[in-house]
Amino acid sequence: MNLTLEAPRLTAHDRCDRCGAQAYVKVLLEAGGELMFCAHHARAHQDALQGVASEVIDETERLHAKPVPVED
């Protein structure tokens, strides 16, 4: 059996730490902890975050994707 692990998906419940909009970027910090940003604030703080991030999960491509139908 092949298992493919993916980074956790951000949901509508995940909010930008800067403005409260839906988060599309999650930054895991080298010192521990995490920050979440909307696409706008992720771009605005991108340079500063590169120096302190151990991992960046960027799902901004979902902003232009077609919605996936929800199964009942």
N, C-alpha and C. Protein backbone atom coordinates (compact mmCIF):
# COMPACT_ATOMS: atom_id res chain seq x y z
N MET A 1 0.85 -1.18 0.00
CA MET A 1 0.00 0.00 0.00
C MET A 1 0.89 1.24 0.00
N ASN A 2 0.61 2.16 -0.91
CA ASN A 2 1.32 3.44 -0.94
C ASN A 2 0.53 4.47 -0.17
N LEU A 3 1.21 5.19 0.68
CA LEU A 3 0.58 6.24 1.47
C LEU A 3 1.21 7.56 1.11
N THR A 4 0.41 8.53 0.79
CA THR A 4 0.91 9.86 0.47
C THR A 4 0.48 10.81 1.57
N LEU A 5 1.45 11.41 2.21
CA LEU A 5 1.14 12.37 3.27
C LEU A 5 1.18 13.77 2.70
N GLU A 6 0.18 14.54 3.00
CA GLU A 6 0.12 15.92 2.54
C GLU A 6 0.12 16.84 3.76
N ALA A 7 0.54 18.06 3.55
CA ALA A 7 0.47 19.05 4.62
C ALA A 7 -0.99 19.27 4.98
N PRO A 8 -1.26 19.55 6.22
CA PRO A 8 -2.66 19.78 6.61
C PRO A 8 -3.28 20.92 5.81
N ARG A 9 -4.50 20.73 5.40
CA ARG A 9 -5.21 21.76 4.65
C ARG A 9 -5.72 22.82 5.61
N LEU A 10 -5.60 24.04 5.21
CA LEU A 10 -6.19 25.13 5.99
C LEU A 10 -7.67 25.19 5.69
N THR A 11 -8.47 25.48 6.68
CA THR A 11 -9.92 25.52 6.50
C THR A 11 -10.44 26.94 6.68
N ALA A 12 -11.72 27.11 6.48
CA ALA A 12 -12.35 28.41 6.66
C ALA A 12 -12.29 28.86 8.11
N HIS A 13 -12.03 27.94 9.02
CA HIS A 13 -11.91 28.29 10.44
C HIS A 13 -10.55 28.89 10.77
N ASP A 14 -9.56 28.68 9.92
CA ASP A 14 -8.22 29.23 10.14
C ASP A 14 -8.23 30.69 9.71
N ARG A 15 -7.81 31.56 10.61
CA ARG A 15 -7.91 33.00 10.38
C ARG A 15 -6.54 33.65 10.40
N CYS A 16 -6.39 34.71 9.64
CA CYS A 16 -5.17 35.51 9.58
C CYS A 16 -4.91 36.14 10.95
N ASP A 17 -3.69 35.97 11.45
CA ASP A 17 -3.34 36.56 12.74
C ASP A 17 -3.25 38.08 12.68
N ARG A 18 -3.17 38.63 11.50
CA ARG A 18 -3.04 40.09 11.35
C ARG A 18 -4.39 40.79 11.23
N CYS A 19 -5.31 40.21 10.41
CA CYS A 19 -6.57 40.93 10.15
C CYS A 19 -7.83 40.11 10.39
N GLY A 20 -7.70 38.80 10.58
CA GLY A 20 -8.86 37.96 10.83
C GLY A 20 -9.53 37.38 9.60
N ALA A 21 -9.02 37.69 8.41
CA ALA A 21 -9.57 37.10 7.18
C ALA A 21 -9.18 35.62 7.11
N GLN A 22 -9.76 34.89 6.17
CA GLN A 22 -9.42 33.48 6.04
C GLN A 22 -7.95 33.32 5.73
N ALA A 23 -7.28 32.42 6.44
CA ALA A 23 -5.85 32.18 6.25
C ALA A 23 -5.62 31.20 5.11
N TYR A 24 -4.66 31.52 4.26
CA TYR A 24 -4.25 30.65 3.18
C TYR A 24 -2.77 30.29 3.28
N VAL A 25 -2.08 30.87 4.26
CA VAL A 25 -0.66 30.59 4.47
C VAL A 25 -0.43 30.32 5.96
N LYS A 26 0.25 29.20 6.23
CA LYS A 26 0.60 28.84 7.61
C LYS A 26 2.11 28.79 7.69
N VAL A 27 2.69 29.50 8.65
CA VAL A 27 4.13 29.57 8.81
C VAL A 27 4.49 28.89 10.13
N LEU A 28 5.28 27.83 10.03
CA LEU A 28 5.80 27.16 11.23
C LEU A 28 7.13 27.81 11.56
N LEU A 29 7.26 28.27 12.79
CA LEU A 29 8.44 29.02 13.20
C LEU A 29 9.54 28.11 13.74
N GLU A 30 10.79 28.46 13.45
CA GLU A 30 11.94 27.69 13.95
C GLU A 30 11.94 27.63 15.47
N ALA A 31 11.52 28.68 16.13
CA ALA A 31 11.51 28.76 17.59
C ALA A 31 10.30 28.05 18.20
N GLY A 32 9.43 27.52 17.35
CA GLY A 32 8.21 26.88 17.82
C GLY A 32 7.03 27.80 17.59
N GLY A 33 5.87 27.24 17.48
CA GLY A 33 4.67 28.02 17.23
C GLY A 33 4.41 28.17 15.75
N GLU A 34 3.34 28.86 15.46
CA GLU A 34 2.93 29.07 14.08
C GLU A 34 2.22 30.40 13.93
N LEU A 35 2.23 30.90 12.72
CA LEU A 35 1.50 32.10 12.36
C LEU A 35 0.66 31.77 11.14
N MET A 36 -0.50 32.39 11.06
CA MET A 36 -1.37 32.21 9.89
C MET A 36 -1.66 33.56 9.28
N PHE A 37 -1.69 33.58 7.93
CA PHE A 37 -1.90 34.83 7.22
C PHE A 37 -2.84 34.64 6.04
N CYS A 38 -3.59 35.69 5.74
CA CYS A 38 -4.32 35.76 4.48
C CYS A 38 -3.27 35.96 3.39
N ALA A 39 -3.65 35.84 2.14
CA ALA A 39 -2.70 35.98 1.04
C ALA A 39 -2.04 37.36 1.05
N HIS A 40 -2.81 38.40 1.32
CA HIS A 40 -2.29 39.77 1.32
C HIS A 40 -1.20 39.95 2.37
N HIS A 41 -1.46 39.55 3.60
CA HIS A 41 -0.48 39.75 4.67
C HIS A 41 0.71 38.79 4.55
N ALA A 42 0.50 37.61 3.97
CA ALA A 42 1.63 36.71 3.72
C ALA A 42 2.61 37.36 2.75
N ARG A 43 2.09 37.98 1.69
CA ARG A 43 2.96 38.68 0.73
C ARG A 43 3.63 39.88 1.39
N ALA A 44 2.89 40.61 2.21
CA ALA A 44 3.43 41.82 2.84
C ALA A 44 4.57 41.51 3.81
N HIS A 45 4.52 40.34 4.47
CA HIS A 45 5.53 39.99 5.48
C HIS A 45 6.48 38.88 5.02
N GLN A 46 6.43 38.55 3.74
CA GLN A 46 7.20 37.44 3.19
C GLN A 46 8.69 37.52 3.50
N ASP A 47 9.31 38.67 3.31
CA ASP A 47 10.76 38.80 3.53
C ASP A 47 11.12 38.57 5.00
N ALA A 48 10.36 39.12 5.91
CA ALA A 48 10.65 38.96 7.34
C ALA A 48 10.44 37.52 7.79
N LEU A 49 9.45 36.84 7.22
CA LEU A 49 9.14 35.48 7.64
C LEU A 49 10.18 34.48 7.18
N GLN A 50 10.84 34.73 6.06
CA GLN A 50 11.83 33.78 5.53
C GLN A 50 12.96 33.54 6.53
N GLY A 51 13.29 34.53 7.33
CA GLY A 51 14.38 34.39 8.30
C GLY A 51 14.02 33.61 9.54
N VAL A 52 12.74 33.42 9.81
CA VAL A 52 12.33 32.76 11.06
C VAL A 52 11.48 31.50 10.83
N ALA A 53 11.15 31.20 9.58
CA ALA A 53 10.26 30.08 9.27
C ALA A 53 11.03 28.77 9.08
N SER A 54 10.52 27.70 9.67
CA SER A 54 11.08 26.38 9.40
C SER A 54 10.31 25.73 8.25
N GLU A 55 9.05 26.13 8.06
CA GLU A 55 8.23 25.61 6.97
C GLU A 55 7.12 26.61 6.67
N VAL A 56 6.78 26.73 5.39
CA VAL A 56 5.68 27.59 4.98
C VAL A 56 4.72 26.75 4.16
N ILE A 57 3.47 26.69 4.59
CA ILE A 57 2.43 25.98 3.86
C ILE A 57 1.61 27.05 3.15
N ASP A 58 1.74 27.10 1.84
CA ASP A 58 1.11 28.15 1.05
C ASP A 58 0.00 27.54 0.20
N GLU A 59 -1.23 27.87 0.51
CA GLU A 59 -2.38 27.37 -0.24
C GLU A 59 -3.10 28.49 -0.99
N THR A 60 -2.38 29.54 -1.34
CA THR A 60 -3.00 30.67 -2.03
C THR A 60 -3.52 30.30 -3.41
N GLU A 61 -3.04 29.18 -3.98
CA GLU A 61 -3.55 28.76 -5.29
C GLU A 61 -5.04 28.41 -5.20
N ARG A 62 -5.53 28.10 -4.02
CA ARG A 62 -6.94 27.79 -3.83
C ARG A 62 -7.84 29.00 -4.10
N LEU A 63 -7.29 30.19 -4.05
CA LEU A 63 -8.08 31.39 -4.32
C LEU A 63 -8.57 31.43 -5.76
N HIS A 64 -7.88 30.75 -6.66
CA HIS A 64 -8.24 30.75 -8.08
C HIS A 64 -8.77 29.40 -8.55
N ALA A 65 -8.90 28.45 -7.64
CA ALA A 65 -9.37 27.12 -8.00
C ALA A 65 -10.88 27.06 -8.05
N LYS A 66 -11.41 26.13 -8.84
CA LYS A 66 -12.85 25.92 -8.86
C LYS A 66 -13.27 25.25 -7.57
N PRO A 67 -14.42 25.61 -7.01
CA PRO A 67 -14.88 24.99 -5.77
C PRO A 67 -15.11 23.49 -5.94
N VAL A 68 -14.80 22.75 -4.91
CA VAL A 68 -15.02 21.31 -4.90
C VAL A 68 -16.40 21.06 -4.31
N PRO A 69 -17.25 20.26 -4.99
CA PRO A 69 -18.58 19.99 -4.44
C PRO A 69 -18.48 19.25 -3.12
N VAL A 70 -19.36 19.58 -2.21
CA VAL A 70 -19.39 18.95 -0.88
C VAL A 70 -20.34 17.77 -0.95
N GLU A 71 -19.85 16.62 -0.46
CA GLU A 71 -20.70 15.43 -0.41
C GLU A 71 -21.51 15.43 0.87
N ASP A 72 -22.75 14.94 0.79
CA ASP A 72 -23.59 14.85 1.99
C ASP A 72 -23.24 13.66 2.82
